[in-house]
Amino acid sequence: MSDKKKDTDATPSGPTTDETITTLENPMPTPPATDSDDVALLENPMPSGPAKDTVTTMENPMPAPPALDLGDK
């Protein structure tokens, strides 16, 4: 009797061959462009507001410390 075990799970039972790789087509292809009447174009959901005549400037909320002598830059 022998105490050694053979590792038979790692060896293939049949002849080995290279795998054949099948590439699938894109499951979500881009639809073709259409000029059909049943297509609704959406407007910009976040349009910019109307132009304002005045601009409010704010003071610097974090001015430079006086030790740096940078003034109000």
Protein backbone atom coordinates (compact mmCIF):
# COMPACT_ATOMS: atom_id res chain seq x y z
CA MET A 1 0.00 0.00 0.00
CA SER A 2 1.08 3.53 -0.70
CA ASP A 3 0.31 6.62 1.38
CA LYS A 4 0.62 8.96 -1.61
CA LYS A 5 -2.50 10.13 -3.45
CA LYS A 6 -2.64 10.93 -7.13
CA ASP A 7 -4.14 14.29 -8.07
CA THR A 8 -6.56 13.16 -10.75
CA ASP A 9 -8.95 16.13 -10.45
CA ALA A 10 -6.51 18.50 -12.15
CA THR A 11 -5.95 16.37 -15.23
CA PRO A 12 -8.45 16.51 -18.10
CA SER A 13 -10.37 13.37 -18.88
CA GLY A 14 -10.25 13.86 -22.65
CA PRO A 15 -7.98 15.40 -25.23
CA THR A 16 -7.26 19.11 -24.74
CA THR A 17 -7.87 21.64 -27.51
CA ASP A 18 -7.81 25.41 -27.80
CA GLU A 19 -11.02 27.10 -26.77
CA THR A 20 -13.18 28.70 -29.41
CA ILE A 21 -14.13 32.23 -28.43
CA THR A 22 -17.42 33.55 -29.73
CA THR A 23 -17.95 37.30 -29.69
CA LEU A 24 -21.49 38.50 -29.30
CA GLU A 25 -22.99 41.44 -31.09
CA ASN A 26 -23.70 44.59 -29.13
CA PRO A 27 -26.87 43.88 -27.11
CA MET A 28 -27.69 47.62 -27.01
CA PRO A 29 -26.84 48.96 -30.47
CA THR A 30 -27.24 52.63 -31.30
CA PRO A 31 -30.53 53.16 -33.12
CA PRO A 32 -30.30 54.56 -36.62
CA ALA A 33 -30.92 58.28 -37.13
CA THR A 34 -34.42 59.06 -38.28
CA ASP A 35 -36.38 62.07 -39.48
CA SER A 36 -39.68 60.48 -38.59
CA ASP A 37 -42.51 62.58 -37.15
CA ASP A 38 -42.91 60.20 -34.21
CA VAL A 39 -39.54 61.26 -32.77
CA ALA A 40 -39.76 64.00 -30.15
CA LEU A 41 -36.69 66.11 -29.54
CA LEU A 42 -36.35 67.23 -25.94
CA GLU A 43 -35.32 70.71 -24.99
CA ASN A 44 -32.43 71.31 -22.63
CA PRO A 45 -33.80 70.33 -19.18
CA MET A 46 -31.48 72.84 -17.48
CA PRO A 47 -31.31 75.90 -19.71
CA SER A 48 -29.33 78.90 -18.64
CA GLY A 49 -31.39 81.76 -17.30
CA PRO A 50 -31.89 85.07 -19.06
CA ALA A 51 -28.89 87.37 -19.27
CA LYS A 52 -28.66 89.79 -16.35
CA ASP A 53 -27.78 93.44 -16.79
CA THR A 54 -26.06 93.79 -13.44
CA VAL A 55 -23.43 91.64 -11.83
CA THR A 56 -23.09 91.62 -8.06
CA THR A 57 -19.51 91.31 -6.89
CA MET A 58 -18.82 89.95 -3.44
CA GLU A 59 -15.92 90.72 -1.19
CA ASN A 60 -13.29 88.04 -0.73
CA PRO A 61 -14.58 85.79 2.08
CA MET A 62 -11.02 84.65 2.80
CA PRO A 63 -8.73 87.69 2.61
CA ALA A 64 -4.99 87.23 2.95
CA PRO A 65 -3.62 87.59 6.50
CA PRO A 66 -2.04 90.97 7.21
CA ALA A 67 1.36 89.33 7.85
CA LEU A 68 1.70 88.50 4.16
CA ASP A 69 1.12 92.15 3.18
CA LEU A 70 -0.81 91.18 0.06
CA GLY A 71 -3.49 93.79 0.56
CA ASP A 72 -6.99 93.18 -0.76
CA LYS A 73 -5.94 90.95 -3.63
